[in-house]
Protein backbone atom coordinates (compact mmCIF):
# COMPACT_ATOMS: atom_id res chain seq x y z
CA UNK A 1 57.68 115.41 110.28
CA UNK A 2 56.76 112.01 109.36
CA UNK A 3 59.71 109.97 110.68
CA UNK A 4 59.34 112.20 113.88
CA UNK A 5 56.22 111.15 114.17
CA UNK A 6 56.25 107.32 112.98
CA UNK A 7 59.59 107.26 115.47
CA UNK A 8 57.47 108.24 118.43
CA UNK A 9 54.91 105.96 117.51
CA UNK A 10 57.07 102.81 117.47
CA UNK A 11 58.22 103.64 121.13
CA UNK A 12 54.85 103.88 122.35
CA UNK A 13 54.59 100.81 119.87
CA UNK A 14 57.65 98.96 121.46
CA UNK A 15 56.72 100.74 124.79
CA UNK A 16 53.51 98.92 125.06
CA UNK A 17 54.41 95.41 123.93
CA UNK A 18 56.26 95.64 126.73
CA UNK A 19 53.73 96.21 129.21
CA UNK A 20 52.24 93.36 127.71
CA UNK A 21 54.86 91.19 127.71
CA UNK A 22 55.52 91.83 131.83
CA UNK A 23 52.11 91.60 132.58
CA UNK A 24 52.10 88.07 130.83
CA UNK A 25 54.97 87.25 132.56
CA UNK A 26 53.47 88.58 135.83
CA UNK A 27 50.28 86.25 135.06
CA UNK A 28 52.57 82.49 134.02
CA UNK A 29 54.02 83.60 137.50
CA UNK A 30 51.11 84.26 139.03
CA UNK A 31 49.46 80.29 136.63
CA UNK A 32 52.73 78.61 137.65
CA UNK A 33 52.54 79.52 141.37
CA UNK A 34 48.64 78.47 141.67
CA UNK A 35 49.40 74.65 140.01
CA UNK A 36 52.68 74.23 142.07
CA UNK A 37 50.33 75.01 145.62
CA UNK A 38 47.42 72.32 143.84
CA UNK A 39 49.94 70.17 143.12
CA UNK A 40 51.02 70.10 146.93
CA UNK A 41 47.86 70.20 147.83
CA UNK A 42 47.14 66.56 145.74
CA UNK A 43 50.63 65.24 146.85
CA UNK A 44 49.26 65.76 150.78
CA UNK A 45 45.99 64.35 150.01
CA UNK A 46 47.20 61.29 148.58
CA UNK A 47 49.86 60.59 150.50
CA UNK A 48 46.73 61.37 153.90
CA UNK A 49 45.20 58.50 151.67
CA UNK A 50 47.55 56.39 151.25
CA UNK A 51 48.14 56.97 154.94
CA UNK A 52 44.69 55.76 156.29
CA UNK A 53 44.43 52.98 153.57
CA UNK A 54 47.35 51.45 155.76
CA UNK A 55 46.11 52.00 159.20
CA UNK A 56 42.67 50.65 158.03
CA UNK A 57 44.34 47.19 156.96
CA UNK A 58 46.75 47.62 160.05
CA UNK A 59 43.23 47.88 162.84
CA UNK A 60 40.94 44.96 160.46
CA UNK A 61 44.09 43.05 161.18
CA UNK A 62 44.76 43.91 165.33
CA UNK A 63 41.37 42.98 165.47
CA UNK A 64 41.10 39.52 163.53
CA UNK A 65 44.41 38.63 165.53
CA UNK A 66 42.37 39.41 168.78
CA UNK A 67 39.59 38.13 168.05
CA UNK A 68 41.07 34.72 166.90
CA UNK A 69 42.78 34.56 170.08
CA UNK A 70 40.64 35.54 172.33
CA UNK A 71 38.38 31.98 170.80
CA UNK A 72 42.31 30.60 171.32
CA UNK A 73 43.20 31.04 174.60
CA UNK A 74 40.68 29.70 176.89
CA UNK A 75 43.28 30.06 180.18
CA UNK A 76 43.43 26.49 181.95
CA UNK A 77 44.16 26.27 185.49
CA UNK A 78 47.11 28.05 186.61
CA UNK A 79 49.17 27.01 189.50
CA UNK A 80 48.32 30.67 191.17
CA UNK A 81 44.99 30.02 190.84
CA UNK A 82 45.05 26.00 192.30
CA UNK A 83 46.88 27.41 195.28
CA UNK A 84 44.64 30.24 195.87
CA UNK A 85 41.41 27.53 195.71
CA UNK A 86 42.84 25.32 198.57
CA UNK A 87 43.99 27.63 200.78
């Protein structure tokens, strides 16, 4: 009788261990998926920030170029302008 009860208890214990292990595996999988998702979002954010910094640098450089070309380039009277005023 005691061997039957012991076998029954061992079967229940093994079944319980199996359920616990399965739950742990599912929890680990969910946690891994969440961490992967967070890593992907972080990578996207960092890429966007880097792109924004590059765009900002290019815009500043473009403004400097426009500013220097405006101050340097004073149009001299061109032949076309002289022809129009002589008529």
